[in-house]
Amino acid sequence: MLTHVIIHGGYHRGEIGRLLSQISIAPPWDTFAVHLHQTEPSRRLQAVIEPLSV
């Protein structure tokens, strides 16, 4: 059932994106990465301040 809910929502999102592009409207960026970018900007800065150790 959970798989159905996830796939069903993705189908509707894709269909809305297709409809928006047909009327020349860019679909909004609403991915998880964009959410993190907006709600936790300090996460971006940590990568610059504290580079990964190799």
Protein backbone atom coordinates (compact mmCIF):
# COMPACT_ATOMS: atom_id res chain seq x y z
CA MET A 1 0.00 0.00 0.00
CA LEU A 2 2.83 2.40 0.84
CA THR A 3 4.45 1.72 -2.52
CA HIS A 4 1.18 2.56 -4.23
CA VAL A 5 0.89 5.88 -2.39
CA ILE A 6 4.47 6.88 -3.29
CA ILE A 7 4.15 5.91 -6.96
CA HIS A 8 0.68 7.44 -7.27
CA GLY A 9 1.89 10.81 -5.97
CA GLY A 10 4.85 10.75 -8.35
CA TYR A 11 2.52 10.10 -11.26
CA HIS A 12 0.41 13.16 -10.45
CA ARG A 13 3.49 15.35 -9.96
CA GLY A 14 4.80 14.27 -13.35
CA GLU A 15 1.47 14.91 -15.04
CA ILE A 16 1.20 18.40 -13.53
CA GLY A 17 4.76 19.15 -14.65
CA ARG A 18 3.86 18.09 -18.19
CA LEU A 19 0.73 20.27 -18.18
CA LEU A 20 2.65 23.28 -16.87
CA SER A 21 5.29 22.90 -19.58
CA GLN A 22 2.57 22.79 -22.25
CA ILE A 23 1.40 26.25 -21.20
CA SER A 24 4.98 27.57 -20.93
CA ILE A 25 5.14 27.69 -17.14
CA ALA A 26 8.27 26.31 -15.49
CA PRO A 27 7.38 23.80 -12.78
CA PRO A 28 8.57 24.78 -9.30
CA TRP A 29 11.70 23.23 -7.83
CA ASP A 30 10.27 21.28 -4.95
CA THR A 31 12.80 18.54 -4.34
CA PHE A 32 14.15 17.49 -0.97
CA ALA A 33 17.51 19.10 -1.80
CA VAL A 34 15.79 22.45 -2.39
CA HIS A 35 13.94 22.08 0.90
CA LEU A 36 17.23 21.50 2.75
CA HIS A 37 18.84 24.39 0.88
CA GLN A 38 16.11 26.76 2.07
CA THR A 39 15.59 25.47 5.62
CA GLU A 40 19.18 24.63 6.61
CA PRO A 41 21.57 26.94 4.76
CA SER A 42 24.31 26.17 7.28
CA ARG A 43 24.60 22.65 5.79
CA ARG A 44 26.03 24.15 2.59
CA LEU A 45 28.55 26.23 4.46
CA GLN A 46 29.84 23.29 6.51
CA ALA A 47 31.16 21.60 3.38
CA VAL A 48 33.19 24.72 2.55
CA ILE A 49 34.43 25.31 6.09
CA GLU A 50 35.03 21.65 7.00
CA PRO A 51 36.23 19.79 3.90
CA LEU A 52 35.96 16.02 3.91
CA SER A 53 39.06 14.26 5.17
CA VAL A 54 40.55 11.78 2.74
